[in-house]
Amino acid sequence: MDDRLWRGVRERAQESARASAAVPESPFGAIGHRFRIDPVPSPAGLVGLEAQIGVRRPRKYRLFLPTVGAGGAGPACGVSPVRREDGRWPWAGGGAEEEERACH
């Protein structure tokens, strides 16, 4: 398995955004993520993420981040983004209350 698994995902999300603009009702969760996908993290950033959390990311997620992006559009409410803030990697959108607000 290589990056072919995720190839074209960003482009399909952009196409979904264009298609949903013509539909009166957005798909569930689209109000929160609006089909946006965060930028691809740098290789050095991904090494820093693993160093901070002390765990090697699962193989599919290791391929997802540099091929698709750091979160955003996805099933239901989307993929919780991981962003470097103040020298650390907090997991954005991990709380149930925050997810509830983002989805509706």
C-alpha atoms as a PDB file:
ATOM      1  CA  MET A   1       0.000   0.000   0.000  1.00  0.00           C
ATOM      2  CA  ASP A   2       1.279   3.481  -0.816  1.00  0.00           C
ATOM      3  CA  ASP A   3      -0.141   6.934  -1.382  1.00  0.00           C
ATOM      4  CA  ARG A   4      -2.480   5.590  -4.112  1.00  0.00           C
ATOM      5  CA  LEU A   5      -4.967   4.911  -1.316  1.00  0.00           C
ATOM      6  CA  TRP A   6      -5.446   8.649  -0.756  1.00  0.00           C
ATOM      7  CA  ARG A   7      -4.648  10.033  -4.215  1.00  0.00           C
ATOM      8  CA  GLY A   8      -7.353  12.419  -5.443  1.00  0.00           C
ATOM      9  CA  VAL A   9      -9.113  12.855  -2.078  1.00  0.00           C
ATOM     10  CA  ARG A  10      -8.454  16.613  -1.932  1.00  0.00           C
ATOM     11  CA  GLU A  11      -9.814  17.030  -5.456  1.00  0.00           C
ATOM     12  CA  ARG A  12     -12.933  14.968  -4.688  1.00  0.00           C
ATOM     13  CA  ALA A  13     -13.614  17.118  -1.616  1.00  0.00           C
ATOM     14  CA  GLN A  14     -13.370  20.248  -3.761  1.00  0.00           C
ATOM     15  CA  GLU A  15     -15.768  18.738  -6.287  1.00  0.00           C
ATOM     16  CA  SER A  16     -18.163  17.832  -3.452  1.00  0.00           C
ATOM     17  CA  ALA A  17     -18.077  21.444  -2.284  1.00  0.00           C
ATOM     18  CA  ARG A  18     -19.031  22.667  -5.750  1.00  0.00           C
ATOM     19  CA  ALA A  19     -21.788  20.060  -6.095  1.00  0.00           C
ATOM     20  CA  SER A  20     -23.260  20.736  -2.637  1.00  0.00           C
ATOM     21  CA  ALA A  21     -23.443  24.467  -3.362  1.00  0.00           C
ATOM     22  CA  ALA A  22     -26.188  23.684  -5.883  1.00  0.00           C
ATOM     23  CA  VAL A  23     -28.187  21.560  -3.408  1.00  0.00           C
ATOM     24  CA  PRO A  24     -30.521  23.232  -0.891  1.00  0.00           C
ATOM     25  CA  GLU A  25     -29.528  20.861   1.947  1.00  0.00           C
ATOM     26  CA  SER A  26     -25.877  20.155   2.736  1.00  0.00           C
ATOM     27  CA  PRO A  27     -24.792  16.627   3.619  1.00  0.00           C
ATOM     28  CA  PHE A  28     -24.509  15.894   7.345  1.00  0.00           C
ATOM     29  CA  GLY A  29     -21.421  17.552   8.828  1.00  0.00           C
ATOM     30  CA  ALA A  30     -20.682  19.752   5.804  1.00  0.00           C
ATOM     31  CA  ILE A  31     -21.758  22.863   7.721  1.00  0.00           C
ATOM     32  CA  GLY A  32     -18.798  22.304  10.043  1.00  0.00           C
ATOM     33  CA  HIS A  33     -16.045  21.310   7.601  1.00  0.00           C
ATOM     34  CA  ARG A  34     -17.451  22.968   4.418  1.00  0.00           C
ATOM     35  CA  PHE A  35     -15.413  20.402   2.449  1.00  0.00           C
ATOM     36  CA  ARG A  36     -12.167  22.187   3.368  1.00  0.00           C
ATOM     37  CA  ILE A  37      -9.051  20.139   4.006  1.00  0.00           C
ATOM     38  CA  ASP A  38      -6.157  21.539   6.029  1.00  0.00           C
ATOM     39  CA  PRO A  39      -2.768  21.853   4.328  1.00  0.00           C
ATOM     40  CA  VAL A  40      -0.336  18.949   4.212  1.00  0.00           C
ATOM     41  CA  PRO A  41       2.066  19.067   7.185  1.00  0.00           C
ATOM     42  CA  SER A  42       5.809  19.192   6.512  1.00  0.00           C
ATOM     43  CA  PRO A  43       7.873  16.011   6.928  1.00  0.00           C
ATOM     44  CA  ALA A  44       9.716  17.655   9.844  1.00  0.00           C
ATOM     45  CA  GLY A  45       6.376  18.552  11.408  1.00  0.00           C
ATOM     46  CA  LEU A  46       5.202  14.958  11.226  1.00  0.00           C
ATOM     47  CA  VAL A  47       8.401  13.781  12.912  1.00  0.00           C
ATOM     48  CA  GLY A  48       7.792  16.394  15.632  1.00  0.00           C
ATOM     49  CA  LEU A  49       4.216  15.193  16.078  1.00  0.00           C
ATOM     50  CA  GLU A  50       5.329  11.609  16.678  1.00  0.00           C
ATOM     51  CA  ALA A  51       8.079  12.776  19.034  1.00  0.00           C
ATOM     52  CA  GLN A  52       5.579  14.765  21.103  1.00  0.00           C
ATOM     53  CA  ILE A  53       2.958  12.046  21.381  1.00  0.00           C
ATOM     54  CA  GLY A  54       5.544   9.277  21.794  1.00  0.00           C
ATOM     55  CA  VAL A  55       3.727   6.966  19.391  1.00  0.00           C
ATOM     56  CA  ARG A  56       4.225   6.084  15.749  1.00  0.00           C
ATOM     57  CA  ARG A  57       1.069   6.909  13.813  1.00  0.00           C
ATOM     58  CA  PRO A  58      -0.802   4.024  12.154  1.00  0.00           C
ATOM     59  CA  ARG A  59       0.370   3.314   8.591  1.00  0.00           C
ATOM     60  CA  LYS A  60      -2.771   4.563   6.824  1.00  0.00           C
ATOM     61  CA  TYR A  61      -2.736   7.792   8.858  1.00  0.00           C
ATOM     62  CA  ARG A  62       0.993   8.155   8.109  1.00  0.00           C
ATOM     63  CA  LEU A  63       0.043   8.119   4.401  1.00  0.00           C
ATOM     64  CA  PHE A  64      -3.081  10.278   4.815  1.00  0.00           C
ATOM     65  CA  LEU A  65      -1.408  13.320   6.397  1.00  0.00           C
ATOM     66  CA  PRO A  66       1.248  14.021   3.712  1.00  0.00           C
ATOM     67  CA  THR A  67      -0.996  12.973   0.814  1.00  0.00           C
ATOM     68  CA  VAL A  68      -4.357  14.533   1.753  1.00  0.00           C
ATOM     69  CA  GLY A  69      -3.825  17.004   4.589  1.00  0.00           C
ATOM     70  CA  ALA A  70      -3.972  17.538   8.340  1.00  0.00           C
ATOM     71  CA  GLY A  71      -7.742  17.096   8.689  1.00  0.00           C
ATOM     72  CA  GLY A  72     -10.977  18.739   7.659  1.00  0.00           C
ATOM     73  CA  ALA A  73     -13.576  17.321   5.300  1.00  0.00           C
ATOM     74  CA  GLY A  74     -14.454  13.684   5.782  1.00  0.00           C
ATOM     75  CA  PRO A  75     -17.250  11.343   6.782  1.00  0.00           C
ATOM     76  CA  ALA A  76     -19.908  12.831   9.085  1.00  0.00           C
ATOM     77  CA  CYS A  77     -18.287  15.800  10.857  1.00  0.00           C
ATOM     78  CA  GLY A  78     -14.955  15.324   9.145  1.00  0.00           C
ATOM     79  CA  VAL A  79     -11.450  14.403  10.228  1.00  0.00           C
ATOM     80  CA  SER A  80     -10.318  16.165  13.410  1.00  0.00           C
ATOM     81  CA  PRO A  81      -7.340  18.290  12.382  1.00  0.00           C
ATOM     82  CA  VAL A  82      -3.909  18.198  13.933  1.00  0.00           C
ATOM     83  CA  ARG A  83      -2.159  21.569  13.888  1.00  0.00           C
ATOM     84  CA  ARG A  84       1.078  22.862  15.344  1.00  0.00           C
ATOM     85  CA  GLU A  85       0.314  25.665  17.788  1.00  0.00           C
ATOM     86  CA  ASP A  86       2.823  27.341  20.080  1.00  0.00           C
ATOM     87  CA  GLY A  87       5.408  24.631  19.397  1.00  0.00           C
ATOM     88  CA  ARG A  88       3.033  21.766  20.274  1.00  0.00           C
ATOM     89  CA  TRP A  89       0.569  19.513  18.431  1.00  0.00           C
ATOM     90  CA  PRO A  90      -2.828  19.784  20.129  1.00  0.00           C
ATOM     91  CA  TRP A  91      -5.623  17.704  18.611  1.00  0.00           C
ATOM     92  CA  ALA A  92      -8.257  20.189  17.452  1.00  0.00           C
ATOM     93  CA  GLY A  93     -11.900  19.202  17.666  1.00  0.00           C
ATOM     94  CA  GLY A  94     -11.416  16.276  19.997  1.00  0.00           C
ATOM     95  CA  GLY A  95     -14.110  17.227  22.497  1.00  0.00           C
ATOM     96  CA  ALA A  96     -17.717  16.132  22.101  1.00  0.00           C
ATOM     97  CA  GLU A  97     -19.064  19.650  22.702  1.00  0.00           C
ATOM     98  CA  GLU A  98     -16.784  21.145  20.075  1.00  0.00           C
ATOM     99  CA  GLU A  99     -17.730  18.427  17.588  1.00  0.00           C
ATOM    100  CA  GLU A 100     -21.425  19.072  18.238  1.00  0.00           C
ATOM    101  CA  ARG A 101     -21.004  22.788  17.493  1.00  0.00           C
ATOM    102  CA  ALA A 102     -18.957  22.128  14.335  1.00  0.00           C
ATOM    103  CA  CYS A 103     -21.425  19.643  12.867  1.00  0.00           C
ATOM    104  CA  HIS A 104     -24.632  21.601  13.271  1.00  0.00           C
END
